[in-house]
Amino acid sequence: RRGRALRGVRGARPREPAAHHEASGLTAEGAATIAPLTGIRFVAAILVFNAHLVPPAGAPAVVSGFALAGHDWMTMFFVLSGLILTWNYDRLLTERGARGLHIYYVARFARIYPLYLLTLAVAVVLTVQQSADIGRLVTDPVLWLHVVAQQTWSGDLSVAYGFNGPAWSVGVELFLYALFPLLLIPLRRIRQNVRALLIVCAAAVLVIADHGMEQNDPAN
């Protein structure tokens, strides 16, 4: 019996951490550690929602400016998402190779795209008033940009906000999800090297600052 028990232990497959199975959420340990981020995300969500509301006429400039600053809180969401993704997927992506990439991409796609496609379908159906509209929609290139969540990269706000305006961020999320492993895996090699990390951070800040100045240049 003892020999059989030992063989059974040797033959048993080790259980993967919960983060690998519940790839779209935090582990129990992770949730206890990063729980304070929930409050930050809640505040950010309220402020992003507030940015979609039109400030009342005659509102003070500070109120209008605060209401229109929702894009800054979207940036906060992206930063927090990067932190949580690193917490959940660090070992999976850096130690499991192609299998880890498969688990990661399937989990991210399943978390975002089905609901996105459902809300897009509802928005499109609401635009149909007569049968001729269906043929027009099927041949509309803007609709297909929305289907593949590429409307954000069109460079045209009327396209990006076209059928379901708030969903513009999904295109950005999918791009960042695709990019994440390409950044995480190489950077893991230098995470103990403070000098190298500072150089990478400084380069990122310079690129972002240059992009910001370009966007705010009146000539553009």
Protein backbone atom coordinates (compact mmCIF):
# COMPACT_ATOMS: atom_id res chain seq x y z
CA ARG A 1 0.00 0.00 0.00
CA ARG A 2 2.76 2.37 0.90
CA GLY A 3 4.49 1.70 -2.42
CA ARG A 4 1.27 2.38 -4.30
CA ALA A 5 0.72 5.59 -2.37
CA LEU A 6 4.22 6.79 -3.19
CA ARG A 7 3.74 5.96 -6.87
CA GLY A 8 0.46 7.85 -6.78
CA VAL A 9 2.18 10.91 -5.31
CA ARG A 10 4.94 10.75 -7.91
CA GLY A 11 2.43 10.34 -10.74
CA ALA A 12 0.16 13.13 -9.60
CA ARG A 13 0.38 16.37 -11.56
CA PRO A 14 1.27 19.38 -9.44
CA ARG A 15 -1.53 21.87 -9.07
CA GLU A 16 -0.94 25.18 -10.73
CA PRO A 17 -1.38 28.38 -8.72
CA ALA A 18 -4.87 29.83 -8.71
CA ALA A 19 -3.66 32.78 -10.75
CA HIS A 20 -2.92 30.41 -13.62
CA HIS A 21 -6.40 28.92 -13.60
CA GLU A 22 -8.22 32.11 -12.67
CA ALA A 23 -6.14 34.08 -15.10
CA SER A 24 -8.59 36.92 -15.34
CA GLY A 25 -8.64 37.69 -11.60
CA LEU A 26 -6.46 38.01 -8.55
CA THR A 27 -5.55 35.08 -6.35
CA ALA A 28 -6.81 35.11 -2.78
CA GLU A 29 -3.36 36.12 -1.62
CA GLY A 30 -3.10 38.79 -4.30
CA ALA A 31 -6.54 40.18 -3.51
CA ALA A 32 -5.55 40.60 0.13
CA THR A 33 -2.35 42.37 -0.85
CA ILE A 34 -3.71 44.69 -3.56
CA ALA A 35 -7.15 45.31 -2.05
CA PRO A 36 -6.43 49.07 -1.52
CA LEU A 37 -6.33 49.46 -5.30
CA THR A 38 -10.07 48.74 -5.37
CA GLY A 39 -10.78 52.10 -3.79
CA ILE A 40 -8.58 53.90 -6.31
CA ARG A 41 -10.28 52.11 -9.19
CA PHE A 42 -13.72 53.02 -7.83
CA VAL A 43 -12.83 56.72 -7.65
CA ALA A 44 -11.30 56.58 -11.12
CA ALA A 45 -14.45 54.91 -12.49
CA ILE A 46 -16.68 57.63 -11.05
CA LEU A 47 -14.49 60.37 -12.50
CA VAL A 48 -14.35 58.72 -15.93
CA PHE A 49 -18.16 58.43 -15.89
CA ASN A 50 -18.37 62.06 -14.81
CA ALA A 51 -16.28 63.05 -17.83
CA HIS A 52 -19.03 61.75 -20.12
CA LEU A 53 -21.50 64.20 -18.59
CA VAL A 54 -21.83 67.76 -19.85
CA PRO A 55 -21.04 70.34 -17.14
CA PRO A 56 -24.05 72.56 -16.39
CA ALA A 57 -24.18 75.93 -18.10
CA GLY A 58 -22.40 78.60 -16.12
CA ALA A 59 -20.37 76.10 -14.08
CA PRO A 60 -17.08 77.48 -12.75
CA ALA A 61 -14.03 76.81 -14.89
CA VAL A 62 -12.54 74.54 -12.23
CA VAL A 63 -15.68 72.36 -12.30
CA SER A 64 -15.70 72.14 -16.09
CA GLY A 65 -11.99 71.39 -16.17
CA PHE A 66 -12.35 68.68 -13.55
CA ALA A 67 -15.24 67.10 -15.43
CA LEU A 68 -13.31 67.08 -18.70
CA ALA A 69 -10.22 65.48 -17.16
CA GLY A 70 -11.62 61.96 -17.45
CA HIS A 71 -8.88 60.94 -19.87
CA ASP A 72 -6.37 61.36 -17.05
CA TRP A 73 -8.28 58.80 -15.00
CA MET A 74 -8.33 56.45 -17.98
CA THR A 75 -4.54 56.65 -17.82
CA MET A 76 -4.79 55.70 -14.14
CA PHE A 77 -6.83 52.65 -15.13
CA PHE A 78 -4.19 51.58 -17.62
CA VAL A 79 -1.42 51.98 -15.03
CA LEU A 80 -3.33 49.96 -12.44
CA SER A 81 -4.10 47.29 -15.03
CA GLY A 82 -0.41 46.99 -15.83
CA LEU A 83 0.38 46.52 -12.15
CA ILE A 84 -2.29 43.85 -11.67
CA LEU A 85 -1.33 42.03 -14.87
CA THR A 86 2.28 41.90 -13.73
CA TRP A 87 1.20 40.59 -10.33
CA ASN A 88 -0.92 37.83 -11.91
CA TYR A 89 1.07 36.82 -14.95
CA ASP A 90 4.72 37.41 -14.14
CA ARG A 91 5.70 33.79 -13.45
CA LEU A 92 3.22 32.36 -15.94
CA LEU A 93 4.63 34.36 -18.86
CA THR A 94 8.30 34.15 -17.92
CA GLU A 95 8.42 30.48 -16.92
CA ARG A 96 5.78 28.68 -19.00
CA GLY A 97 6.82 29.79 -22.49
CA ALA A 98 4.29 29.30 -25.30
CA ARG A 99 1.79 27.64 -22.95
CA GLY A 100 1.85 30.66 -20.67
CA LEU A 101 1.32 33.01 -23.62
CA HIS A 102 -1.65 30.92 -24.76
CA ILE A 103 -3.29 31.04 -21.32
CA TYR A 104 -2.68 34.77 -21.04
CA TYR A 105 -4.04 35.76 -24.46
CA VAL A 106 -7.11 33.52 -24.22
CA ALA A 107 -7.94 34.92 -20.77
CA ARG A 108 -7.55 38.54 -21.89
CA PHE A 109 -9.58 38.00 -25.06
CA ALA A 110 -12.38 36.21 -23.18
CA ARG A 111 -12.51 38.96 -20.57
CA ILE A 112 -12.91 41.86 -22.99
CA TYR A 113 -14.08 40.93 -26.48
CA PRO A 114 -17.39 39.03 -26.03
CA LEU A 115 -18.97 41.80 -23.94
CA TYR A 116 -17.52 44.43 -26.29
CA LEU A 117 -19.04 42.66 -29.30
CA LEU A 118 -22.41 42.33 -27.55
CA THR A 119 -22.61 46.06 -26.74
CA LEU A 120 -21.53 46.89 -30.31
CA ALA A 121 -24.29 44.65 -31.69
CA VAL A 122 -26.88 46.42 -29.53
CA ALA A 123 -25.62 49.84 -30.64
CA VAL A 124 -25.73 48.81 -34.31
CA VAL A 125 -29.23 47.33 -34.07
CA LEU A 126 -30.48 50.60 -32.60
CA THR A 127 -29.38 52.42 -35.76
CA VAL A 128 -31.48 50.20 -38.04
CA GLN A 129 -34.75 51.86 -38.99
CA GLN A 130 -35.49 50.14 -42.28
CA SER A 131 -34.27 47.07 -44.18
CA ALA A 132 -32.04 49.15 -46.46
CA ASP A 133 -29.97 50.12 -43.41
CA ILE A 134 -28.80 46.53 -43.01
CA GLY A 135 -27.13 46.45 -46.43
CA ARG A 136 -25.55 49.83 -45.77
CA LEU A 137 -24.14 48.65 -42.45
CA VAL A 138 -22.71 45.42 -43.84
CA THR A 139 -20.67 47.37 -46.38
CA ASP A 140 -19.70 50.15 -43.98
CA PRO A 141 -15.90 50.02 -43.38
CA VAL A 142 -16.33 51.99 -40.15
CA LEU A 143 -18.48 49.21 -38.70
CA TRP A 144 -15.82 46.60 -39.49
CA LEU A 145 -13.19 48.74 -37.81
CA HIS A 146 -15.40 48.60 -34.73
CA VAL A 147 -15.87 44.83 -35.05
CA VAL A 148 -12.12 44.28 -34.88
CA ALA A 149 -11.73 47.07 -32.27
CA GLN A 150 -9.44 49.15 -34.47
CA GLN A 151 -11.56 52.29 -34.64
CA THR A 152 -9.36 54.05 -32.09
CA TRP A 153 -6.37 53.95 -34.44
CA SER A 154 -8.20 55.55 -37.37
CA GLY A 155 -7.10 59.05 -36.36
CA ASP A 156 -10.67 60.27 -36.87
CA LEU A 157 -12.78 60.99 -33.79
CA SER A 158 -16.01 60.53 -35.74
CA VAL A 159 -14.84 56.98 -36.54
CA ALA A 160 -13.51 56.26 -33.05
CA TYR A 161 -16.76 57.43 -31.44
CA GLY A 162 -18.88 55.98 -34.22
CA PHE A 163 -21.32 53.27 -33.04
CA ASN A 164 -20.40 52.94 -29.39
CA GLY A 165 -18.36 55.95 -28.30
CA PRO A 166 -17.20 54.84 -24.83
CA ALA A 167 -15.82 51.61 -26.33
CA TRP A 168 -12.94 53.50 -27.98
CA SER A 169 -10.73 52.42 -25.08
CA VAL A 170 -11.13 48.74 -25.92
CA GLY A 171 -8.86 49.14 -28.94
CA VAL A 172 -6.20 50.62 -26.68
CA GLU A 173 -6.66 47.84 -24.11
CA LEU A 174 -6.27 45.10 -26.72
CA PHE A 175 -3.12 46.75 -28.03
CA LEU A 176 -1.65 47.00 -24.53
CA TYR A 177 -2.63 43.40 -23.77
CA ALA A 178 -0.80 42.27 -26.91
CA LEU A 179 2.24 44.37 -26.01
CA PHE A 180 2.43 43.38 -22.35
CA PRO A 181 4.31 40.04 -22.67
CA LEU A 182 6.78 41.64 -25.09
CA LEU A 183 7.70 44.11 -22.34
CA LEU A 184 7.42 41.89 -19.28
CA ILE A 185 9.63 39.03 -20.48
CA PRO A 186 12.68 41.12 -21.53
CA LEU A 187 12.41 43.49 -18.55
CA ARG A 188 12.45 40.62 -16.06
CA ARG A 189 16.12 40.14 -16.86
CA ILE A 190 17.00 43.62 -15.65
CA ARG A 191 14.56 44.07 -12.76
CA GLN A 192 17.37 43.67 -10.21
CA ASN A 193 19.53 46.19 -12.07
CA VAL A 194 18.54 49.59 -10.69
CA ARG A 195 20.63 51.53 -13.20
CA ALA A 196 19.11 49.72 -16.17
CA LEU A 197 15.58 50.24 -14.82
CA LEU A 198 16.22 53.95 -14.35
CA ILE A 199 17.45 54.23 -17.92
CA VAL A 200 14.34 52.47 -19.23
CA CYS A 201 12.05 54.68 -17.10
CA ALA A 202 13.83 57.86 -18.22
CA ALA A 203 13.53 56.84 -21.86
CA ALA A 204 9.80 56.12 -21.41
CA VAL A 205 9.24 59.51 -19.74
CA LEU A 206 11.05 61.31 -22.57
CA VAL A 207 8.99 59.53 -25.22
CA ILE A 208 5.72 60.30 -23.42
CA ALA A 209 6.71 63.93 -22.82
CA ASP A 210 7.68 64.39 -26.46
CA HIS A 211 4.37 62.90 -27.58
CA GLY A 212 2.47 65.18 -25.19
CA MET A 213 4.23 68.31 -26.46
CA GLU A 214 3.57 67.27 -30.04
CA GLN A 215 -0.14 66.80 -29.33
CA ASN A 216 -0.37 70.21 -27.64
CA ASP A 217 1.53 72.05 -30.37
CA PRO A 218 -0.93 74.52 -32.01
CA ALA A 219 0.80 73.90 -35.34
CA ASN A 220 -0.50 70.33 -35.24
